[in-house]
Protein backbone atom coordinates (compact mmCIF):
# COMPACT_ATOMS: atom_id res chain seq x y z
CA MET A 1 119.50 144.58 86.60
CA PRO A 2 121.52 142.71 89.23
CA TYR A 3 123.39 139.58 88.24
CA GLY A 4 121.21 136.48 88.36
CA MET A 5 117.86 138.27 88.66
CA PRO A 6 115.30 136.68 86.35
CA GLN A 7 113.80 138.98 83.73
CA ARG A 8 110.22 138.11 84.74
CA LEU A 9 110.88 139.16 88.34
CA HIS A 10 112.16 142.52 87.15
CA ALA A 11 109.11 142.97 84.92
CA LYS A 12 106.78 142.04 87.78
CA GLN A 13 108.36 144.62 90.08
CA SER A 14 108.12 147.24 87.35
CA TYR A 15 104.44 146.41 86.85
CA SER A 16 103.77 146.72 90.58
CA LEU A 17 105.40 150.14 90.74
CA HIS A 18 103.48 151.26 87.67
CA TRP A 19 100.20 150.03 89.19
CA CYS A 20 100.85 151.87 92.46
CA ALA A 21 101.68 155.10 90.65
CA GLN A 22 98.59 154.77 88.48
CA GLU A 23 96.34 154.18 91.51
CA LEU A 24 97.78 157.21 93.29
CA LEU A 25 97.31 159.36 90.20
CA PHE A 26 93.66 158.45 89.69
CA VAL A 27 92.63 158.37 93.36
CA PHE A 28 94.50 161.32 94.83
CA ALA A 29 95.93 163.58 92.11
CA LEU A 30 92.77 163.56 89.98
CA ASP A 31 90.58 163.27 93.10
CA TRP A 32 88.46 160.48 91.60
CA GLY A 33 88.31 158.46 94.82
CA VAL A 34 86.70 155.03 94.53
CA VAL A 35 85.87 155.57 90.85
CA GLY A 36 89.57 156.19 90.16
CA ALA A 37 90.49 153.03 92.06
CA ALA A 38 88.05 151.08 89.89
CA LEU A 39 89.06 152.64 86.57
CA ALA A 40 92.84 152.56 87.06
CA PRO A 41 93.29 148.80 86.48
CA ALA A 42 90.93 148.77 83.49
CA ILE A 43 92.66 151.71 81.83
CA GLY A 44 96.03 150.10 82.55
CA GLN A 45 94.95 146.86 80.88
CA TYR A 46 93.82 148.70 77.73
CA VAL A 47 97.05 150.71 77.60
CA GLY A 48 99.05 147.49 78.01
CA LEU A 49 97.06 145.86 75.20
CA ALA A 50 97.68 148.83 72.91
CA VAL A 51 101.42 148.74 73.63
CA MET A 52 101.57 144.96 73.04
CA VAL A 53 99.70 145.21 69.72
CA ALA A 54 101.92 148.10 68.60
CA LEU A 55 105.07 146.11 69.44
CA LEU A 56 103.79 143.01 67.63
CA ILE A 57 102.98 145.07 64.55
CA ARG A 58 106.39 146.75 64.68
CA GLU A 59 108.16 143.39 64.95
CA LYS A 60 106.10 142.04 62.02
CA ALA A 61 104.58 139.33 64.25
CA LEU A 62 101.11 140.76 63.71
CA PHE A 63 99.74 142.53 60.67
CA ALA A 64 97.31 145.42 60.99
CA ALA A 65 95.08 143.84 58.33
CA ASP A 66 94.62 140.78 60.58
CA LEU A 67 93.14 142.79 63.46
CA GLY A 68 89.69 142.91 61.86
CA HIS A 69 89.63 139.19 60.99
CA VAL A 70 87.10 137.15 62.96
CA PRO A 71 88.21 133.50 63.01
CA THR A 72 85.82 130.73 62.02
CA MET A 73 85.14 127.74 64.24
CA THR A 74 87.28 125.54 61.97
CA GLU A 75 90.23 127.83 62.76
CA VAL A 76 89.47 127.95 66.47
CA MET A 77 88.74 124.27 67.19
CA PRO A 78 92.37 123.02 66.90
CA LEU A 79 93.44 125.69 69.39
CA LEU A 80 90.65 124.77 71.80
CA LYS A 81 91.51 121.07 71.58
CA VAL A 82 95.13 121.77 72.45
CA SER A 83 94.36 124.24 75.24
CA LEU A 84 91.66 122.05 76.81
CA GLY A 85 93.63 118.84 76.37
CA VAL A 86 90.92 117.15 74.33
CA SER A 87 92.06 114.25 72.19
CA SER A 88 90.36 113.27 68.95
C-alpha cells in the first residue's frame, strides 16, 4: 500500500474489484445473464457475513454459542435508545 493511503480506501478498491470479478463470473462465465447479475451481490453479502463471523469467532470477539441467542427487548432497548438518540 502506498505511503499515506488510508486503509479504508484500499479496502474499498479491493471490494470494487471483487464485485466486478464476481459479476463477470456469474453473468458471463456461468452464462446466468440477468439472474447472475441479481444473485451476485446477494451471494457476496452472505460470503462476507460468513467470513466476518468466522474472523470474530477466531479472534474470540464472538462465541459460537452466542449465535443462536435471540435477545430480549430489555437487552435491545438500550441499544435502540443510543442508536436513535432517544433520551430517557
